[in-house]
Amino acid sequence: MALLGGAAAARPVAAWAQRPGATPFRIGYLALIPGEDTTLMQALLERLHELGYRQGANMVVDYLSAEGQPDRLGPLAMELVRAKPDVLIAGFGTLAAQAAKAATTTIPVVFTTVGDPLGAGLVASLGRPGGNVTGLTDQARDVQGKRLQLLVDMIPGKAGSIAVLLNPDTPFSRLSLEEAKTAAGSLRVRLAVLEVRTPDEVAGRFQDAVNASAGGLLVLEDPLIYSIRGKIAELAERHRLPAIYVYKDSARAGGLMSYGPDRPHIYRRAAEYVDKILKGAKPGDLPIEQPIKFELIVNRNAAKALGITISPAVLVQADEVIE
């Protein structure tokens, strides 16, 4: 992978060049989904570079990826801990953060995009995490209500019933579902909950959505659902089911629209947390930060394939329209 203008070969552990005779800061990075984590890691490393950290001078990064296999996260986290990093970064999702926390009680851990840090048992509180773990969440209060409203605005007259696709084993999905239920009550929308724990279950859940006469689909993405975003977009088009996703990559993969946080910005903020810790801050004193920048992406091609016209109420809010 090419990062900060340098090339590092993909190895079980990629340790980047360091200054001879010196002791650079050592940073461990635990990834679940290799491609996604590598892209976002670029934003994190660029910010570290801006803050004065240089590969080959005062920083070494050990990168390990579970290649999309959650059961590999625990052993890989232990391998990173054995390298004695100054900070351990947990990449996309809750599972990497849980594995990092389980691997050490002393090395500072910074997670990047955990939906529900409290529900996942990662921290004692959002304001004062305590222990050796802190980081950033990619969810904000009431955001599911905003997504549901956008979907209703996109399909006026057809939003009597909305299907919700989620992985019930993900803490933030359960929390987000409760928010969606509250919003649905205000919007007078019925929700049909579709649970999926493996990729093989997805096709059947879409048939369930059709059987429930759903007019649209609210997708609560976690690493599992995100990893099959292209398949979900394809199924949504096949079943003529307008869908709203969390991440912009899903809209770019053929989904109708997405509303979610600016994740590169979150990873840049994670780099700033790493910098604070390397300068002496205690992770337990650094509050969990919620996203402040959200983006609405609309895919005009997907709308045409679904045979719908993008609502002006939605279009006027869009940060990007994919033509």
C-alpha atoms as a PDB file:
ATOM      1  CA  MET A   1       0.000   0.000   0.000  1.00  0.00           C
ATOM      2  CA  ALA A   2       1.215   3.480  -0.800  1.00  0.00           C
ATOM      3  CA  LEU A   3       0.946   5.896   2.117  1.00  0.00           C
ATOM      4  CA  LEU A   4       2.356   9.421   2.465  1.00  0.00           C
ATOM      5  CA  GLY A   5       4.218   9.046  -0.772  1.00  0.00           C
ATOM      6  CA  GLY A   6       6.055   5.917   0.411  1.00  0.00           C
ATOM      7  CA  ALA A   7       5.441   2.302  -0.488  1.00  0.00           C
ATOM      8  CA  ALA A   8       5.119  -0.487   2.038  1.00  0.00           C
ATOM      9  CA  ALA A   9       4.708  -4.082   0.934  1.00  0.00           C
ATOM     10  CA  ALA A  10       1.736  -5.971   2.372  1.00  0.00           C
ATOM     11  CA  ARG A  11       3.259  -8.359   4.931  1.00  0.00           C
ATOM     12  CA  PRO A  12       1.811  -9.978   8.077  1.00  0.00           C
ATOM     13  CA  VAL A  13       3.339  -7.033   9.951  1.00  0.00           C
ATOM     14  CA  ALA A  14       4.587  -4.061   7.940  1.00  0.00           C
ATOM     15  CA  ALA A  15       7.146  -2.148  10.031  1.00  0.00           C
ATOM     16  CA  TRP A  16       8.260   1.003   8.321  1.00  0.00           C
ATOM     17  CA  ALA A  17      11.812   2.273   8.230  1.00  0.00           C
ATOM     18  CA  GLN A  18      13.135   4.011  11.334  1.00  0.00           C
ATOM     19  CA  ARG A  19      16.125   6.218  12.106  1.00  0.00           C
ATOM     20  CA  PRO A  20      19.229   4.189  13.080  1.00  0.00           C
ATOM     21  CA  GLY A  21      20.296   4.655  16.696  1.00  0.00           C
ATOM     22  CA  ALA A  22      17.094   6.417  17.711  1.00  0.00           C
ATOM     23  CA  THR A  23      13.926   5.222  19.408  1.00  0.00           C
ATOM     24  CA  PRO A  24      10.964   6.402  17.324  1.00  0.00           C
ATOM     25  CA  PHE A  25       7.395   6.254  18.509  1.00  0.00           C
ATOM     26  CA  ARG A  26       5.848   2.906  17.691  1.00  0.00           C
ATOM     27  CA  ILE A  27       2.198   2.797  16.608  1.00  0.00           C
ATOM     28  CA  GLY A  28       0.227  -0.404  16.135  1.00  0.00           C
ATOM     29  CA  TYR A  29      -2.754  -0.461  13.773  1.00  0.00           C
ATOM     30  CA  LEU A  30      -5.328  -3.257  13.918  1.00  0.00           C
ATOM     31  CA  ALA A  31      -7.636  -3.500  10.885  1.00  0.00           C
ATOM     32  CA  LEU A  32     -10.651  -5.672  10.191  1.00  0.00           C
ATOM     33  CA  ILE A  33     -11.378  -4.794   6.544  1.00  0.00           C
ATOM     34  CA  PRO A  34      -8.072  -4.259   4.693  1.00  0.00           C
ATOM     35  CA  GLY A  35      -9.141  -2.037   1.812  1.00  0.00           C
ATOM     36  CA  GLU A  36     -11.370   0.207   3.887  1.00  0.00           C
ATOM     37  CA  ASP A  37      -8.941   0.569   6.752  1.00  0.00           C
ATOM     38  CA  THR A  38      -6.053   1.296   4.383  1.00  0.00           C
ATOM     39  CA  THR A  39      -7.950   4.129   2.679  1.00  0.00           C
ATOM     40  CA  LEU A  40      -8.957   5.763   5.940  1.00  0.00           C
ATOM     41  CA  MET A  41      -5.541   5.115   7.452  1.00  0.00           C
ATOM     42  CA  GLN A  42      -4.174   7.416   4.758  1.00  0.00           C
ATOM     43  CA  ALA A  43      -6.095  10.342   6.300  1.00  0.00           C
ATOM     44  CA  LEU A  44      -4.793   9.459   9.762  1.00  0.00           C
ATOM     45  CA  LEU A  45      -1.176   9.229   8.624  1.00  0.00           C
ATOM     46  CA  GLU A  46      -1.397  12.457   6.652  1.00  0.00           C
ATOM     47  CA  ARG A  47      -2.535  14.264   9.803  1.00  0.00           C
ATOM     48  CA  LEU A  48       0.268  12.699  11.827  1.00  0.00           C
ATOM     49  CA  HIS A  49       2.676  13.922   9.156  1.00  0.00           C
ATOM     50  CA  GLU A  50       1.265  17.452   9.537  1.00  0.00           C
ATOM     51  CA  LEU A  51       1.790  17.166  13.302  1.00  0.00           C
ATOM     52  CA  GLY A  52       5.480  16.440  12.817  1.00  0.00           C
ATOM     53  CA  TYR A  53       5.709  12.657  12.697  1.00  0.00           C
ATOM     54  CA  ARG A  54       7.938  11.232   9.974  1.00  0.00           C
ATOM     55  CA  GLN A  55       8.374   7.715   8.750  1.00  0.00           C
ATOM     56  CA  GLY A  56      12.034   6.846   8.796  1.00  0.00           C
ATOM     57  CA  ALA A  57      12.668   9.441  11.488  1.00  0.00           C
ATOM     58  CA  ASN A  58      10.458   9.473  14.572  1.00  0.00           C
ATOM     59  CA  MET A  59       7.601   7.047  13.799  1.00  0.00           C
ATOM     60  CA  VAL A  60       7.150   3.340  13.072  1.00  0.00           C
ATOM     61  CA  VAL A  61       3.757   1.863  12.181  1.00  0.00           C
ATOM     62  CA  ASP A  62       2.990  -1.847  12.528  1.00  0.00           C
ATOM     63  CA  TYR A  63      -0.091  -2.702  10.449  1.00  0.00           C
ATOM     64  CA  LEU A  64      -2.036  -5.946  10.813  1.00  0.00           C
ATOM     65  CA  SER A  65      -5.282  -6.821   9.057  1.00  0.00           C
ATOM     66  CA  ALA A  66      -7.745  -9.601   9.832  1.00  0.00           C
ATOM     67  CA  GLU A  67      -8.682  -9.573   6.138  1.00  0.00           C
ATOM     68  CA  GLY A  68     -12.367  -9.415   7.014  1.00  0.00           C
ATOM     69  CA  GLN A  69     -12.229 -12.385   9.407  1.00  0.00           C
ATOM     70  CA  PRO A  70     -13.291 -11.281  12.922  1.00  0.00           C
ATOM     71  CA  ASP A  71     -11.926 -14.396  14.642  1.00  0.00           C
ATOM     72  CA  ARG A  72      -8.398 -13.325  13.650  1.00  0.00           C
ATOM     73  CA  LEU A  73      -8.595  -9.993  15.473  1.00  0.00           C
ATOM     74  CA  GLY A  74      -7.713 -11.353  18.938  1.00  0.00           C
ATOM     75  CA  PRO A  75      -4.463 -13.100  17.942  1.00  0.00           C
ATOM     76  CA  LEU A  76      -3.431 -10.172  15.755  1.00  0.00           C
ATOM     77  CA  ALA A  77      -4.048  -7.714  18.596  1.00  0.00           C
ATOM     78  CA  MET A  78      -1.805  -9.799  20.845  1.00  0.00           C
ATOM     79  CA  GLU A  79       0.884  -9.834  18.151  1.00  0.00           C
ATOM     80  CA  LEU A  80       0.780  -6.051  17.947  1.00  0.00           C
ATOM     81  CA  VAL A  81       0.955  -5.771  21.747  1.00  0.00           C
ATOM     82  CA  ARG A  82       4.076  -7.939  21.810  1.00  0.00           C
ATOM     83  CA  ALA A  83       5.788  -5.292  19.657  1.00  0.00           C
ATOM     84  CA  LYS A  84       5.260  -2.869  22.611  1.00  0.00           C
ATOM     85  CA  PRO A  85       3.710   0.056  20.740  1.00  0.00           C
ATOM     86  CA  ASP A  86       3.308   3.454  22.370  1.00  0.00           C
ATOM     87  CA  VAL A  87      -0.261   3.594  21.043  1.00  0.00           C
ATOM     88  CA  LEU A  88      -2.536   0.949  19.540  1.00  0.00           C
ATOM     89  CA  ILE A  89      -5.108   2.131  16.984  1.00  0.00           C
ATOM     90  CA  ALA A  90      -8.252   0.095  16.322  1.00  0.00           C
ATOM     91  CA  GLY A  91      -9.551   0.523  12.783  1.00  0.00           C
ATOM     92  CA  PHE A  92     -13.089   0.503  11.383  1.00  0.00           C
ATOM     93  CA  GLY A  93     -15.792  -0.936  13.634  1.00  0.00           C
ATOM     94  CA  THR A  94     -16.378  -2.194  17.145  1.00  0.00           C
ATOM     95  CA  LEU A  95     -14.763  -5.631  16.888  1.00  0.00           C
ATOM     96  CA  ALA A  96     -11.225  -4.321  16.348  1.00  0.00           C
ATOM     97  CA  ALA A  97     -11.602  -2.010  19.337  1.00  0.00           C
ATOM     98  CA  GLN A  98     -12.848  -4.845  21.552  1.00  0.00           C
ATOM     99  CA  ALA A  99      -9.941  -7.042  20.486  1.00  0.00           C
ATOM    100  CA  ALA A 100      -7.443  -4.259  21.218  1.00  0.00           C
ATOM    101  CA  LYS A 101      -8.916  -3.636  24.658  1.00  0.00           C
ATOM    102  CA  ALA A 102      -8.873  -7.347  25.482  1.00  0.00           C
ATOM    103  CA  ALA A 103      -5.200  -7.560  24.489  1.00  0.00           C
ATOM    104  CA  THR A 104      -3.866  -4.895  26.873  1.00  0.00           C
ATOM    105  CA  THR A 105      -4.789  -2.924  29.957  1.00  0.00           C
ATOM    106  CA  THR A 106      -1.716  -0.694  29.865  1.00  0.00           C
ATOM    107  CA  ILE A 107      -0.995   0.351  26.280  1.00  0.00           C
ATOM    108  CA  PRO A 108      -3.189   3.316  25.209  1.00  0.00           C
ATOM    109  CA  VAL A 109      -5.855   2.320  22.670  1.00  0.00           C
ATOM    110  CA  VAL A 110      -7.490   4.792  20.274  1.00  0.00           C
ATOM    111  CA  PHE A 111     -10.506   3.491  18.367  1.00  0.00           C
ATOM    112  CA  THR A 112     -11.670   5.243  15.218  1.00  0.00           C
ATOM    113  CA  THR A 113     -15.289   4.501  14.326  1.00  0.00           C
ATOM    114  CA  VAL A 114     -17.211   2.679  17.056  1.00  0.00           C
ATOM    115  CA  GLY A 115     -20.952   3.232  16.933  1.00  0.00           C
ATOM    116  CA  ASP A 116     -21.779   2.639  20.614  1.00  0.00           C
ATOM    117  CA  PRO A 117     -18.682   2.648  22.859  1.00  0.00           C
ATOM    118  CA  LEU A 118     -20.760   2.354  26.019  1.00  0.00           C
ATOM    119  CA  GLY A 119     -22.920  -0.492  24.760  1.00  0.00           C
ATOM    120  CA  ALA A 120     -19.819  -2.305  23.515  1.00  0.00           C
ATOM    121  CA  GLY A 121     -18.251  -2.109  26.986  1.00  0.00           C
ATOM    122  CA  LEU A 122     -15.230  -0.161  25.769  1.00  0.00           C
ATOM    123  CA  VAL A 123     -15.457   2.837  28.106  1.00  0.00           C
ATOM    124  CA  ALA A 124     -16.985   3.773  31.458  1.00  0.00           C
ATOM    125  CA  SER A 125     -18.487   7.008  30.147  1.00  0.00           C
ATOM    126  CA  LEU A 126     -18.307   9.208  27.054  1.00  0.00           C
ATOM    127  CA  GLY A 127     -17.061  12.261  28.937  1.00  0.00           C
ATOM    128  CA  ARG A 128     -14.414  10.450  30.936  1.00  0.00           C
ATOM    129  CA  PRO A 129     -13.663   7.026  29.452  1.00  0.00           C
ATOM    130  CA  GLY A 130     -11.284   5.857  32.194  1.00  0.00           C
ATOM    131  CA  GLY A 131      -8.783   3.057  31.723  1.00  0.00           C
ATOM    132  CA  ASN A 132      -6.539   2.855  28.678  1.00  0.00           C
ATOM    133  CA  VAL A 133      -9.138   3.234  25.898  1.00  0.00           C
ATOM    134  CA  THR A 134     -10.539   6.299  24.152  1.00  0.00           C
ATOM    135  CA  GLY A 135     -11.446   7.329  20.627  1.00  0.00           C
ATOM    136  CA  LEU A 136     -14.158   8.496  18.295  1.00  0.00           C
ATOM    137  CA  THR A 137     -17.639   7.350  17.421  1.00  0.00           C
ATOM    138  CA  ASP A 138     -19.120   7.724  13.949  1.00  0.00           C
ATOM    139  CA  GLN A 139     -22.671   8.001  15.271  1.00  0.00           C
ATOM    140  CA  ALA A 140     -24.552  10.980  16.661  1.00  0.00           C
ATOM    141  CA  ARG A 141     -27.805  11.300  18.553  1.00  0.00           C
ATOM    142  CA  ASP A 142     -30.984  11.329  16.441  1.00  0.00           C
ATOM    143  CA  VAL A 143     -29.129  10.744  13.160  1.00  0.00           C
ATOM    144  CA  GLN A 144     -31.375   7.761  12.376  1.00  0.00           C
ATOM    145  CA  GLY A 145     -34.345  10.102  12.489  1.00  0.00           C
ATOM    146  CA  LYS A 146     -32.645  12.299   9.888  1.00  0.00           C
ATOM    147  CA  ARG A 147     -31.969   9.286   7.644  1.00  0.00           C
ATOM    148  CA  LEU A 148     -35.542   8.099   7.953  1.00  0.00           C
ATOM    149  CA  GLN A 149     -36.880  11.567   7.140  1.00  0.00           C
ATOM    150  CA  LEU A 150     -34.671  11.764   4.032  1.00  0.00           C
ATOM    151  CA  LEU A 151     -35.950   8.394   2.862  1.00  0.00           C
ATOM    152  CA  VAL A 152     -39.571   9.409   3.439  1.00  0.00           C
ATOM    153  CA  ASP A 153     -38.966  12.636   1.506  1.00  0.00           C
ATOM    154  CA  MET A 154     -37.475  10.628  -1.367  1.00  0.00           C
ATOM    155  CA  ILE A 155     -40.512   8.347  -1.732  1.00  0.00           C
ATOM    156  CA  PRO A 156     -43.567  10.454  -0.858  1.00  0.00           C
ATOM    157  CA  GLY A 157     -46.728   8.402  -0.778  1.00  0.00           C
ATOM    158  CA  LYS A 158     -44.831   5.097  -0.555  1.00  0.00           C
ATOM    159  CA  ALA A 159     -43.345   5.320   2.915  1.00  0.00           C
ATOM    160  CA  GLY A 160     -46.122   3.715   4.913  1.00  0.00           C
ATOM    161  CA  SER A 161     -43.797   0.797   5.680  1.00  0.00           C
ATOM    162  CA  ILE A 162     -39.984   0.951   5.774  1.00  0.00           C
ATOM    163  CA  ALA A 163     -37.707  -2.071   6.159  1.00  0.00           C
ATOM    164  CA  VAL A 164     -34.634  -1.794   8.400  1.00  0.00           C
ATOM    165  CA  LEU A 165     -31.634  -3.995   7.562  1.00  0.00           C
ATOM    166  CA  LEU A 166     -29.220  -4.579  10.441  1.00  0.00           C
ATOM    167  CA  ASN A 167     -26.867  -6.967  12.184  1.00  0.00           C
ATOM    168  CA  PRO A 168     -28.386  -7.444  15.661  1.00  0.00           C
ATOM    169  CA  ASP A 169     -25.038  -8.578  17.082  1.00  0.00           C
ATOM    170  CA  THR A 170     -23.610  -5.057  16.678  1.00  0.00           C
ATOM    171  CA  PRO A 171     -24.314  -2.848  19.736  1.00  0.00           C
ATOM    172  CA  PHE A 172     -24.762   0.368  17.772  1.00  0.00           C
ATOM    173  CA  SER A 173     -27.293  -1.306  15.461  1.00  0.00           C
ATOM    174  CA  ARG A 174     -29.543  -2.094  18.410  1.00  0.00           C
ATOM    175  CA  LEU A 175     -29.220   1.480  19.661  1.00  0.00           C
ATOM    176  CA  SER A 176     -29.853   2.901  16.185  1.00  0.00           C
ATOM    177  CA  LEU A 177     -32.934   0.723  15.771  1.00  0.00           C
ATOM    178  CA  GLU A 178     -34.467   2.223  18.912  1.00  0.00           C
ATOM    179  CA  GLU A 179     -33.796   5.719  17.541  1.00  0.00           C
ATOM    180  CA  ALA A 180     -35.380   4.723  14.235  1.00  0.00           C
ATOM    181  CA  LYS A 181     -38.459   3.378  16.030  1.00  0.00           C
ATOM    182  CA  THR A 182     -38.896   6.672  17.863  1.00  0.00           C
ATOM    183  CA  ALA A 183     -38.581   8.631  14.612  1.00  0.00           C
ATOM    184  CA  ALA A 184     -40.948   6.254  12.827  1.00  0.00           C
ATOM    185  CA  GLY A 185     -43.621   6.978  15.423  1.00  0.00           C
ATOM    186  CA  SER A 186     -43.363  10.710  14.747  1.00  0.00           C
ATOM    187  CA  LEU A 187     -43.454  10.142  10.977  1.00  0.00           C
ATOM    188  CA  ARG A 188     -46.289   7.592  11.224  1.00  0.00           C
ATOM    189  CA  VAL A 189     -44.184   4.981   9.487  1.00  0.00           C
ATOM    190  CA  ARG A 190     -44.244   1.249  10.208  1.00  0.00           C
ATOM    191  CA  LEU A 191     -40.883  -0.509  10.446  1.00  0.00           C
ATOM    192  CA  ALA A 192     -40.164  -4.079   9.349  1.00  0.00           C
ATOM    193  CA  VAL A 193     -36.933  -5.235  11.007  1.00  0.00           C
ATOM    194  CA  LEU A 194     -34.693  -7.483   8.902  1.00  0.00           C
ATOM    195  CA  GLU A 195     -31.861  -9.143  10.830  1.00  0.00           C
ATOM    196  CA  VAL A 196     -28.790 -10.457   9.050  1.00  0.00           C
ATOM    197  CA  ARG A 197     -25.765 -12.116  10.639  1.00  0.00           C
ATOM    198  CA  THR A 198     -24.080 -13.596   7.560  1.00  0.00           C
ATOM    199  CA  PRO A 199     -23.821 -12.486   3.920  1.00  0.00           C
ATOM    200  CA  ASP A 200     -25.802 -15.526   2.821  1.00  0.00           C
ATOM    201  CA  GLU A 201     -28.893 -14.277   4.677  1.00  0.00           C
ATOM    202  CA  VAL A 202     -29.179 -10.988   2.806  1.00  0.00           C
ATOM    203  CA  ALA A 203     -31.110 -12.171  -0.256  1.00  0.00           C
ATOM    204  CA  GLY A 204     -33.771 -13.770   1.917  1.00  0.00           C
ATOM    205  CA  ARG A 205     -34.188 -10.601   3.962  1.00  0.00           C
ATOM    206  CA  PHE A 206     -34.991  -8.642   0.804  1.00  0.00           C
ATOM    207  CA  GLN A 207     -37.785 -11.056   0.045  1.00  0.00           C
ATOM    208  CA  ASP A 208     -39.033 -10.450   3.578  1.00  0.00           C
ATOM    209  CA  ALA A 209     -39.049  -6.715   2.825  1.00  0.00           C
ATOM    210  CA  VAL A 210     -41.166  -7.310  -0.268  1.00  0.00           C
ATOM    211  CA  ASN A 211     -43.546  -9.513   1.700  1.00  0.00           C
ATOM    212  CA  ALA A 212     -43.908  -6.705   4.256  1.00  0.00           C
ATOM    213  CA  SER A 213     -44.868  -4.288   1.425  1.00  0.00           C
ATOM    214  CA  ALA A 214     -41.938  -2.034   2.345  1.00  0.00           C
ATOM    215  CA  GLY A 215     -41.671   1.110   0.283  1.00  0.00           C
ATOM    216  CA  GLY A 216     -38.053   1.775   1.227  1.00  0.00           C
ATOM    217  CA  LEU A 217     -35.065   0.440   3.115  1.00  0.00           C
ATOM    218  CA  LEU A 218     -33.046   1.930   5.975  1.00  0.00           C
ATOM    219  CA  VAL A 219     -29.627   0.230   6.086  1.00  0.00           C
ATOM    220  CA  LEU A 220     -27.763   0.290   9.411  1.00  0.00           C
ATOM    221  CA  GLU A 221     -24.244  -0.490   8.283  1.00  0.00           C
ATOM    222  CA  ASP A 222     -21.685  -2.276  10.422  1.00  0.00           C
ATOM    223  CA  PRO A 223     -18.504  -3.935   9.067  1.00  0.00           C
ATOM    224  CA  LEU A 224     -20.482  -7.013   7.976  1.00  0.00           C
ATOM    225  CA  ILE A 225     -23.158  -5.120   6.063  1.00  0.00           C
ATOM    226  CA  TYR A 226     -20.659  -2.577   4.741  1.00  0.00           C
ATOM    227  CA  SER A 227     -18.491  -5.364   3.321  1.00  0.00           C
ATOM    228  CA  ILE A 228     -21.364  -6.505   1.052  1.00  0.00           C
ATOM    229  CA  ARG A 229     -22.624  -3.029   0.127  1.00  0.00           C
ATOM    230  CA  GLY A 230     -22.422  -3.765  -3.599  1.00  0.00           C
ATOM    231  CA  LYS A 231     -24.572  -6.874  -3.224  1.00  0.00           C
ATOM    232  CA  ILE A 232     -27.106  -4.968  -1.132  1.00  0.00           C
ATOM    233  CA  ALA A 233     -27.337  -2.189  -3.715  1.00  0.00           C
ATOM    234  CA  GLU A 234     -27.854  -4.771  -6.441  1.00  0.00           C
ATOM    235  CA  LEU A 235     -30.629  -6.494  -4.476  1.00  0.00           C
ATOM    236  CA  ALA A 236     -32.282  -3.161  -3.693  1.00  0.00           C
ATOM    237  CA  GLU A 237     -32.389  -2.321  -7.403  1.00  0.00           C
ATOM    238  CA  ARG A 238     -33.675  -5.780  -8.327  1.00  0.00           C
ATOM    239  CA  HIS A 239     -36.510  -5.518  -5.807  1.00  0.00           C
ATOM    240  CA  ARG A 240     -37.219  -1.864  -6.655  1.00  0.00           C
ATOM    241  CA  LEU A 241     -36.542  -0.844  -3.073  1.00  0.00           C
ATOM    242  CA  PRO A 242     -35.138   2.692  -2.550  1.00  0.00           C
ATOM    243  CA  ALA A 243     -32.542   2.568   0.231  1.00  0.00           C
ATOM    244  CA  ILE A 244     -30.556   4.974   2.366  1.00  0.00           C
ATOM    245  CA  TYR A 245     -27.168   3.941   3.726  1.00  0.00           C
ATOM    246  CA  VAL A 246     -24.727   5.273   6.302  1.00  0.00           C
ATOM    247  CA  TYR A 247     -21.520   5.583   4.290  1.00  0.00           C
ATOM    248  CA  LYS A 248     -20.896   7.365   0.996  1.00  0.00           C
ATOM    249  CA  ASP A 249     -19.061   4.335  -0.404  1.00  0.00           C
ATOM    250  CA  SER A 250     -22.416   2.536  -0.462  1.00  0.00           C
ATOM    251  CA  ALA A 251     -23.938   5.235  -2.661  1.00  0.00           C
ATOM    252  CA  ARG A 252     -20.887   5.063  -4.897  1.00  0.00           C
ATOM    253  CA  ALA A 253     -21.325   1.287  -5.076  1.00  0.00           C
ATOM    254  CA  GLY A 254     -24.789   1.743  -6.585  1.00  0.00           C
ATOM    255  CA  GLY A 255     -26.936   2.619  -3.570  1.00  0.00           C
ATOM    256  CA  LEU A 256     -29.581   5.327  -3.912  1.00  0.00           C
ATOM    257  CA  MET A 257     -28.282   7.653  -1.212  1.00  0.00           C
ATOM    258  CA  SER A 258     -26.273   7.842   1.985  1.00  0.00           C
ATOM    259  CA  TYR A 259     -26.235  10.140   4.963  1.00  0.00           C
ATOM    260  CA  GLY A 260     -23.386   9.767   7.372  1.00  0.00           C
ATOM    261  CA  PRO A 261     -20.231  11.205   8.903  1.00  0.00           C
ATOM    262  CA  ASP A 262     -17.197  12.453   7.038  1.00  0.00           C
ATOM    263  CA  ARG A 263     -14.989   9.514   8.010  1.00  0.00           C
ATOM    264  CA  PRO A 264     -11.645  10.871   6.733  1.00  0.00           C
ATOM    265  CA  HIS A 265     -12.237  13.816   9.080  1.00  0.00           C
ATOM    266  CA  ILE A 266     -12.824  11.368  11.951  1.00  0.00           C
ATOM    267  CA  TYR A 267      -9.549   9.590  11.210  1.00  0.00           C
ATOM    268  CA  ARG A 268      -7.702  12.896  11.149  1.00  0.00           C
ATOM    269  CA  ARG A 269      -9.134  13.618  14.581  1.00  0.00           C
ATOM    270  CA  ALA A 270      -7.976  10.169  15.707  1.00  0.00           C
ATOM    271  CA  ALA A 271      -4.451  11.168  14.702  1.00  0.00           C
ATOM    272  CA  GLU A 272      -4.765  14.204  16.958  1.00  0.00           C
ATOM    273  CA  TYR A 273      -5.736  11.910  19.837  1.00  0.00           C
ATOM    274  CA  VAL A 274      -2.645   9.813  19.139  1.00  0.00           C
ATOM    275  CA  ASP A 275      -0.530  12.962  19.175  1.00  0.00           C
ATOM    276  CA  LYS A 276      -1.950  14.024  22.544  1.00  0.00           C
ATOM    277  CA  ILE A 277      -1.228  10.613  24.044  1.00  0.00           C
ATOM    278  CA  LEU A 278       2.325  10.553  22.702  1.00  0.00           C
ATOM    279  CA  LYS A 279       2.800  13.942  24.357  1.00  0.00           C
ATOM    280  CA  GLY A 280       1.661  12.609  27.721  1.00  0.00           C
ATOM    281  CA  ALA A 281      -2.142  12.749  27.834  1.00  0.00           C
ATOM    282  CA  LYS A 282      -3.937   9.829  29.492  1.00  0.00           C
ATOM    283  CA  PRO A 283      -6.483   8.108  27.231  1.00  0.00           C
ATOM    284  CA  GLY A 284      -8.932   7.800  30.106  1.00  0.00           C
ATOM    285  CA  ASP A 285      -9.051  11.599  30.350  1.00  0.00           C
ATOM    286  CA  LEU A 286      -9.792  12.177  26.655  1.00  0.00           C
ATOM    287  CA  PRO A 287     -13.573  12.273  26.025  1.00  0.00           C
ATOM    288  CA  ILE A 288     -15.160  10.177  23.304  1.00  0.00           C
ATOM    289  CA  GLU A 289     -15.713  12.491  20.365  1.00  0.00           C
ATOM    290  CA  GLN A 290     -18.847  12.393  18.229  1.00  0.00           C
ATOM    291  CA  PRO A 291     -18.869  13.400  14.537  1.00  0.00           C
ATOM    292  CA  ILE A 292     -19.677  16.982  13.659  1.00  0.00           C
ATOM    293  CA  LYS A 293     -19.558  16.753   9.857  1.00  0.00           C
ATOM    294  CA  PHE A 294     -22.208  14.779   7.957  1.00  0.00           C
ATOM    295  CA  GLU A 295     -22.654  14.322   4.211  1.00  0.00           C
ATOM    296  CA  LEU A 296     -25.675  13.519   2.059  1.00  0.00           C
ATOM    297  CA  ILE A 297     -24.764  11.714  -1.159  1.00  0.00           C
ATOM    298  CA  VAL A 298     -27.401  11.016  -3.821  1.00  0.00           C
ATOM    299  CA  ASN A 299     -26.923   8.647  -6.747  1.00  0.00           C
ATOM    300  CA  ARG A 300     -28.929   9.855  -9.757  1.00  0.00           C
ATOM    301  CA  ASN A 301     -28.123   6.683 -11.733  1.00  0.00           C
ATOM    302  CA  ALA A 302     -29.570   4.518  -8.973  1.00  0.00           C
ATOM    303  CA  ALA A 303     -32.693   6.699  -8.916  1.00  0.00           C
ATOM    304  CA  LYS A 304     -33.168   6.188 -12.658  1.00  0.00           C
ATOM    305  CA  ALA A 305     -32.709   2.434 -12.299  1.00  0.00           C
ATOM    306  CA  LEU A 306     -35.356   2.409  -9.564  1.00  0.00           C
ATOM    307  CA  GLY A 307     -37.693   4.511 -11.686  1.00  0.00           C
ATOM    308  CA  ILE A 308     -37.985   7.333  -9.163  1.00  0.00           C
ATOM    309  CA  THR A 309     -37.420  11.059  -9.366  1.00  0.00           C
ATOM    310  CA  ILE A 310     -35.139  12.582  -6.771  1.00  0.00           C
ATOM    311  CA  SER A 311     -37.243  14.759  -4.512  1.00  0.00           C
ATOM    312  CA  PRO A 312     -36.309  18.468  -4.626  1.00  0.00           C
ATOM    313  CA  ALA A 313     -36.488  18.408  -0.815  1.00  0.00           C
ATOM    314  CA  VAL A 314     -33.647  15.868  -0.841  1.00  0.00           C
ATOM    315  CA  LEU A 315     -31.691  17.277  -3.770  1.00  0.00           C
ATOM    316  CA  VAL A 316     -31.357  20.716  -2.207  1.00  0.00           C
ATOM    317  CA  GLN A 317     -29.645  19.149   0.828  1.00  0.00           C
ATOM    318  CA  ALA A 318     -27.216  16.978  -1.117  1.00  0.00           C
ATOM    319  CA  ASP A 319     -23.474  17.521  -0.655  1.00  0.00           C
ATOM    320  CA  GLU A 320     -22.770  15.396  -3.737  1.00  0.00           C
ATOM    321  CA  VAL A 321     -24.890  14.085  -6.593  1.00  0.00           C
ATOM    322  CA  ILE A 322     -23.513  11.097  -8.460  1.00  0.00           C
ATOM    323  CA  GLU A 323     -24.430  11.454 -12.124  1.00  0.00           C
END
